[in-house]
Amino acid sequence: MSTRSRAVLLSAVAAVAALTLSACGKGGTSGGGGNTNFVTGNSGIDTVPQGKRDAAPDLSGQTIDGKTLDVAAYKGQVVVVNVWGSWCSPCREEAQYFAKVSKTYEGKGVEFVGINTRDTSTTPAVNFEKEHGITYPSLYDPTGKLMLRFKKGTLNPQLIPSTLVIDKHGKVAARALEALDDTALLKMLKPVLAEK
């Protein structure tokens, strides 16, 4: 292999590694700027007091299986929104917990919705959901447009997976900018579900 070929190969590997590390990781900060009223918790879960919450944006469009979904139809229920990609290792780790909790809370005032991002086609996303037993719908958002609809500072497009809990009034109540297990997911969900 020539020196030039080796340099090109090393540059390509470094670029892929940098993209992977910046696009899919654990923890981090908010999307930057904006006053979102989140109170940072010590468990990676940030919450917003009831009177200070911002309304969730319009989350509607095509799902990965070609159906149409409008999250506004779930008003009156708590909605757990999980941003994920089939290419993301932490997303694969947390998927089993989301599948489990979504089934446990089915019919109990909670709806789960995924936002699939950065998959270049729906095929890997559909396969991911089948493999991990995900039965709730996921909006297909390959370019991150749905994520950008949230108030600045709510989500960081570089931190995948991310999870939001939207209260019964359609307002953002809690978030986690990292992978969750079932214990952490329930720690986010239960207080919002218990609200009047």
Protein backbone atom coordinates (compact mmCIF):
# COMPACT_ATOMS: atom_id res chain seq x y z
CA MET A 1 0.00 0.00 0.00
CA SER A 2 1.41 3.39 -0.95
CA THR A 3 1.95 6.16 1.59
CA ARG A 4 -0.74 8.23 -0.11
CA SER A 5 -3.28 5.35 0.03
CA ARG A 6 -2.46 4.73 3.66
CA ALA A 7 -2.95 8.44 4.48
CA VAL A 8 -6.32 8.50 2.68
CA LEU A 9 -7.42 5.33 4.49
CA LEU A 10 -6.36 6.70 7.90
CA SER A 11 -8.17 9.99 7.22
CA ALA A 12 -11.34 8.12 6.28
CA VAL A 13 -11.16 5.94 9.41
CA ALA A 14 -10.60 9.01 11.60
CA ALA A 15 -13.55 10.81 10.02
CA VAL A 16 -15.88 7.83 10.55
CA ALA A 17 -14.70 7.46 14.16
CA ALA A 18 -15.27 11.16 14.87
CA LEU A 19 -18.76 11.03 13.37
CA THR A 20 -19.63 7.89 15.33
CA LEU A 21 -18.42 9.34 18.60
CA SER A 22 -20.17 12.67 18.13
CA ALA A 23 -23.44 11.23 16.85
CA CYS A 24 -24.10 8.41 19.26
CA GLY A 25 -22.99 8.55 22.82
CA LYS A 26 -23.77 8.70 26.49
CA GLY A 27 -24.65 11.82 28.41
CA GLY A 28 -23.85 15.36 27.43
CA THR A 29 -25.43 18.74 27.51
CA SER A 30 -28.56 20.23 26.08
CA GLY A 31 -28.95 21.40 22.53
CA GLY A 32 -27.29 24.70 23.48
CA GLY A 33 -28.86 28.05 24.16
CA GLY A 34 -32.51 28.65 24.84
CA ASN A 35 -34.21 28.73 28.23
CA THR A 36 -36.01 25.41 28.49
CA ASN A 37 -36.54 25.44 32.30
CA PHE A 38 -35.01 21.97 32.71
CA VAL A 39 -33.83 21.13 36.21
CA THR A 40 -30.81 18.85 35.93
CA GLY A 41 -31.13 15.65 37.91
CA ASN A 42 -28.31 13.55 39.31
CA SER A 43 -29.38 10.46 37.36
CA GLY A 44 -29.11 11.89 33.84
CA ILE A 45 -32.80 12.83 33.85
CA ASP A 46 -33.76 16.48 33.56
CA THR A 47 -37.27 17.64 34.49
CA VAL A 48 -39.37 20.77 34.11
CA PRO A 49 -41.80 21.89 36.85
CA GLN A 50 -45.45 21.71 35.75
CA GLY A 51 -46.07 25.45 35.42
CA LYS A 52 -42.91 26.11 33.37
CA ARG A 53 -43.18 23.52 30.58
CA ASP A 54 -43.12 24.30 26.87
CA ALA A 55 -45.54 22.71 24.45
CA ALA A 56 -44.12 19.92 22.33
CA PRO A 57 -43.92 20.84 18.64
CA ASP A 58 -45.89 19.24 15.84
CA LEU A 59 -44.65 15.66 15.57
CA SER A 60 -46.35 14.19 12.58
CA GLY A 61 -45.39 12.44 9.39
CA GLN A 62 -44.67 9.05 7.89
CA THR A 63 -43.68 6.13 10.08
CA ILE A 64 -40.95 3.68 9.15
CA ASP A 65 -43.65 1.27 7.99
CA GLY A 66 -45.27 3.83 5.67
CA LYS A 67 -48.24 4.85 7.83
CA THR A 68 -49.15 8.38 8.90
CA LEU A 69 -48.85 9.39 12.56
CA ASP A 70 -49.70 12.60 14.41
CA VAL A 71 -48.60 12.61 18.05
CA ALA A 72 -51.18 15.35 18.79
CA ALA A 73 -53.80 12.57 18.63
CA TYR A 74 -52.35 11.28 21.93
CA LYS A 75 -53.18 14.46 23.90
CA GLY A 76 -54.62 13.48 27.27
CA GLN A 77 -52.07 10.68 27.56
CA VAL A 78 -48.43 10.73 28.56
CA VAL A 79 -46.17 10.25 25.53
CA VAL A 80 -42.66 8.82 25.68
CA VAL A 81 -40.65 9.92 22.64
CA ASN A 82 -37.45 8.00 21.96
CA VAL A 83 -35.01 9.30 19.32
CA TRP A 84 -32.94 6.42 17.91
CA GLY A 85 -31.09 5.03 14.92
CA SER A 86 -30.42 1.45 13.87
CA TRP A 87 -26.72 2.40 13.47
CA CYS A 88 -26.41 3.42 17.16
CA SER A 89 -24.95 0.92 19.68
CA PRO A 90 -26.52 2.53 22.80
CA CYS A 91 -29.88 2.48 20.96
CA ARG A 92 -29.52 -1.28 20.53
CA GLU A 93 -28.71 -1.63 24.25
CA GLU A 94 -31.76 0.33 25.44
CA ALA A 95 -34.28 -1.09 22.92
CA GLN A 96 -35.10 -4.13 25.07
CA TYR A 97 -36.08 -1.85 27.97
CA PHE A 98 -38.30 0.35 25.81
CA ALA A 99 -40.00 -2.76 24.39
CA LYS A 100 -40.59 -4.12 27.90
CA VAL A 101 -41.89 -0.89 29.49
CA SER A 102 -44.08 -0.01 26.48
CA LYS A 103 -45.79 -3.41 26.74
CA THR A 104 -46.21 -3.10 30.53
CA TYR A 105 -47.89 0.30 30.18
CA GLU A 106 -50.04 -0.52 27.15
CA GLY A 107 -53.59 0.73 27.78
CA LYS A 108 -52.56 2.57 30.97
CA GLY A 109 -52.53 6.17 29.68
CA VAL A 110 -49.08 6.04 28.09
CA GLU A 111 -48.14 6.03 24.39
CA PHE A 112 -44.64 5.35 23.08
CA VAL A 113 -43.39 6.89 19.84
CA GLY A 114 -39.98 6.54 18.26
CA ILE A 115 -38.24 9.05 16.03
CA ASN A 116 -35.86 7.15 13.76
CA THR A 117 -33.06 9.43 12.61
CA ARG A 118 -30.11 9.20 10.19
CA ASP A 119 -31.08 5.86 8.69
CA THR A 120 -30.79 6.34 4.92
CA SER A 121 -33.72 4.00 4.29
CA THR A 122 -36.47 2.48 6.40
CA THR A 123 -35.25 -1.10 5.86
CA PRO A 124 -32.63 -1.14 8.68
CA ALA A 125 -35.08 0.70 10.97
CA VAL A 126 -37.87 -1.84 10.37
CA ASN A 127 -35.39 -4.70 10.93
CA PHE A 128 -34.17 -3.05 14.15
CA GLU A 129 -37.71 -2.86 15.56
CA LYS A 130 -38.46 -6.49 14.65
CA GLU A 131 -35.18 -7.69 16.15
CA HIS A 132 -35.77 -5.84 19.42
CA GLY A 133 -39.52 -6.42 19.80
CA ILE A 134 -40.51 -2.77 19.39
CA THR A 135 -44.25 -2.69 18.65
CA TYR A 136 -44.99 1.05 18.89
CA PRO A 137 -44.71 3.36 15.85
CA SER A 138 -41.61 5.32 14.88
CA LEU A 139 -41.65 8.44 12.74
CA TYR A 140 -39.06 8.36 9.97
CA ASP A 141 -36.82 11.44 10.28
CA PRO A 142 -33.61 10.74 8.33
CA THR A 143 -32.40 14.36 8.34
CA GLY A 144 -33.41 15.33 11.90
CA LYS A 145 -36.10 17.85 10.93
CA LEU A 146 -38.49 16.66 13.66
CA MET A 147 -35.79 17.04 16.32
CA LEU A 148 -35.15 20.61 15.20
CA ARG A 149 -38.81 21.51 15.81
CA PHE A 150 -38.26 21.36 19.57
CA LYS A 151 -37.44 24.58 21.41
CA LYS A 152 -33.72 25.33 21.22
CA GLY A 153 -31.89 23.58 24.03
CA THR A 154 -34.42 20.75 24.44
CA LEU A 155 -32.62 18.14 22.33
CA ASN A 156 -29.10 17.89 21.03
CA PRO A 157 -29.09 16.30 17.55
CA GLN A 158 -25.62 14.92 18.29
CA LEU A 159 -26.82 12.93 21.31
CA ILE A 160 -28.58 9.80 20.13
CA PRO A 161 -30.39 8.10 21.80
CA SER A 162 -32.46 10.74 23.56
CA THR A 163 -35.80 10.38 25.30
CA LEU A 164 -38.51 12.90 26.16
CA VAL A 165 -41.64 12.49 28.25
CA ILE A 166 -44.54 14.69 27.15
CA ASP A 167 -47.25 15.25 29.76
CA LYS A 168 -51.02 14.81 29.34
CA HIS A 169 -51.31 18.43 28.22
CA GLY A 170 -48.81 18.04 25.38
CA LYS A 171 -45.91 19.73 27.19
CA VAL A 172 -42.31 18.51 27.57
CA ALA A 173 -41.91 17.32 31.17
CA ALA A 174 -38.64 15.34 31.23
CA ARG A 175 -35.69 14.32 29.09
CA ALA A 176 -32.65 12.09 29.08
CA LEU A 177 -29.84 12.66 26.58
CA GLU A 178 -28.40 9.17 26.97
CA ALA A 179 -29.38 5.51 26.79
CA LEU A 180 -31.80 4.34 29.49
CA ASP A 181 -32.53 1.03 31.15
CA ASP A 182 -36.01 0.17 32.44
CA THR A 183 -35.31 1.59 35.93
CA ALA A 184 -34.26 4.99 34.57
CA LEU A 185 -37.11 5.03 32.03
CA LEU A 186 -39.66 4.37 34.79
CA LYS A 187 -38.03 7.07 36.95
CA MET A 188 -38.80 9.51 34.11
CA LEU A 189 -42.25 8.19 33.33
CA LYS A 190 -43.96 7.48 36.67
CA PRO A 191 -43.93 11.03 38.15
CA VAL A 192 -45.42 12.48 34.94
CA LEU A 193 -48.03 9.74 34.74
CA ALA A 194 -49.04 10.42 38.38
CA GLU A 195 -49.72 14.12 37.68
CA LYS A 196 -53.32 15.37 37.70
